[in-house]
Amino acid sequence: MAEIIGKVTGQPIQHISLSDEELEVGMVHAGMPEEYADMLAGLDRRIRENGSNNEGGD
């Protein structure tokens, strides 16, 4: 995905993997409430571990 975005924008894009804690701390540092950042970091972890069930159903 980063490669595609880089080609479209003409700018180099680098993907950096973050730990769950780094992701949460970064979101809080950017102004997100801690509880919401914790929930999103947990969601990211579950998607990474289990994939997403995005089959377009209900």
C-alpha atoms as a PDB file:
ATOM      1  CA  MET A   1       0.000   0.000   0.000  1.00  0.00           C
ATOM      2  CA  ALA A   2       2.804   2.435   0.869  1.00  0.00           C
ATOM      3  CA  GLU A   3       4.380   1.824  -2.529  1.00  0.00           C
ATOM      4  CA  ILE A   4       1.133   2.636  -4.334  1.00  0.00           C
ATOM      5  CA  ILE A   5       0.576   5.828  -2.334  1.00  0.00           C
ATOM      6  CA  GLY A   6       4.174   6.839  -2.992  1.00  0.00           C
ATOM      7  CA  LYS A   7       3.762   6.408  -6.733  1.00  0.00           C
ATOM      8  CA  VAL A   8       0.500   8.362  -6.807  1.00  0.00           C
ATOM      9  CA  THR A   9       1.780  11.248  -4.671  1.00  0.00           C
ATOM     10  CA  GLY A  10       5.324  11.274  -6.010  1.00  0.00           C
ATOM     11  CA  GLN A  11       6.549  11.231  -2.403  1.00  0.00           C
ATOM     12  CA  PRO A  12       8.413   8.409  -0.681  1.00  0.00           C
ATOM     13  CA  ILE A  13       6.215   6.650   1.868  1.00  0.00           C
ATOM     14  CA  GLN A  14       7.654   4.384   4.545  1.00  0.00           C
ATOM     15  CA  HIS A  15       5.556   1.909   6.524  1.00  0.00           C
ATOM     16  CA  ILE A  16       6.639   1.607  10.146  1.00  0.00           C
ATOM     17  CA  SER A  17       5.250  -1.164  12.335  1.00  0.00           C
ATOM     18  CA  LEU A  18       4.426  -0.011  15.849  1.00  0.00           C
ATOM     19  CA  SER A  19       3.799  -2.030  18.966  1.00  0.00           C
ATOM     20  CA  ASP A  20       0.326  -1.728  20.486  1.00  0.00           C
ATOM     21  CA  GLU A  21       1.766   0.492  23.214  1.00  0.00           C
ATOM     22  CA  GLU A  22       3.590   2.766  20.744  1.00  0.00           C
ATOM     23  CA  LEU A  23       0.405   3.131  18.705  1.00  0.00           C
ATOM     24  CA  GLU A  24      -1.662   4.009  21.770  1.00  0.00           C
ATOM     25  CA  VAL A  25       0.925   6.481  23.127  1.00  0.00           C
ATOM     26  CA  GLY A  26       1.138   8.176  19.731  1.00  0.00           C
ATOM     27  CA  MET A  27      -2.623   8.590  19.487  1.00  0.00           C
ATOM     28  CA  VAL A  28      -2.817  10.016  23.022  1.00  0.00           C
ATOM     29  CA  HIS A  29       0.092  12.347  22.258  1.00  0.00           C
ATOM     30  CA  ALA A  30      -1.832  13.570  19.195  1.00  0.00           C
ATOM     31  CA  GLY A  31      -4.765  14.512  21.461  1.00  0.00           C
ATOM     32  CA  MET A  32      -6.967  11.415  21.425  1.00  0.00           C
ATOM     33  CA  PRO A  33      -8.600  10.464  24.740  1.00  0.00           C
ATOM     34  CA  GLU A  34      -6.714   7.600  26.394  1.00  0.00           C
ATOM     35  CA  GLU A  35      -9.747   5.297  26.581  1.00  0.00           C
ATOM     36  CA  TYR A  36     -10.443   5.696  22.861  1.00  0.00           C
ATOM     37  CA  ALA A  37      -6.777   5.208  21.944  1.00  0.00           C
ATOM     38  CA  ASP A  38      -6.708   2.027  24.043  1.00  0.00           C
ATOM     39  CA  MET A  39      -9.817   0.719  22.266  1.00  0.00           C
ATOM     40  CA  LEU A  40      -8.383   1.474  18.806  1.00  0.00           C
ATOM     41  CA  ALA A  41      -5.015  -0.104  19.646  1.00  0.00           C
ATOM     42  CA  GLY A  42      -6.870  -3.205  20.838  1.00  0.00           C
ATOM     43  CA  LEU A  43      -8.914  -3.279  17.637  1.00  0.00           C
ATOM     44  CA  ASP A  44      -5.732  -2.999  15.583  1.00  0.00           C
ATOM     45  CA  ARG A  45      -4.243  -5.930  17.513  1.00  0.00           C
ATOM     46  CA  ARG A  46      -7.335  -8.106  16.993  1.00  0.00           C
ATOM     47  CA  ILE A  47      -7.373  -7.375  13.256  1.00  0.00           C
ATOM     48  CA  ARG A  48      -3.638  -8.137  13.009  1.00  0.00           C
ATOM     49  CA  GLU A  49      -4.045 -11.431  14.926  1.00  0.00           C
ATOM     50  CA  ASN A  50      -7.378 -12.608  13.514  1.00  0.00           C
ATOM     51  CA  GLY A  51      -7.849 -10.710  10.276  1.00  0.00           C
ATOM     52  CA  SER A  52     -10.973  -8.759   9.532  1.00  0.00           C
ATOM     53  CA  ASN A  53     -14.332 -10.195   8.661  1.00  0.00           C
ATOM     54  CA  ASN A  54     -15.157  -7.720   5.927  1.00  0.00           C
ATOM     55  CA  GLU A  55     -17.239  -9.870   3.619  1.00  0.00           C
ATOM     56  CA  GLY A  56     -19.865  -7.202   2.942  1.00  0.00           C
ATOM     57  CA  GLY A  57     -22.606  -9.097   4.776  1.00  0.00           C
ATOM     58  CA  ASP A  58     -25.044  -7.606   7.256  1.00  0.00           C
END
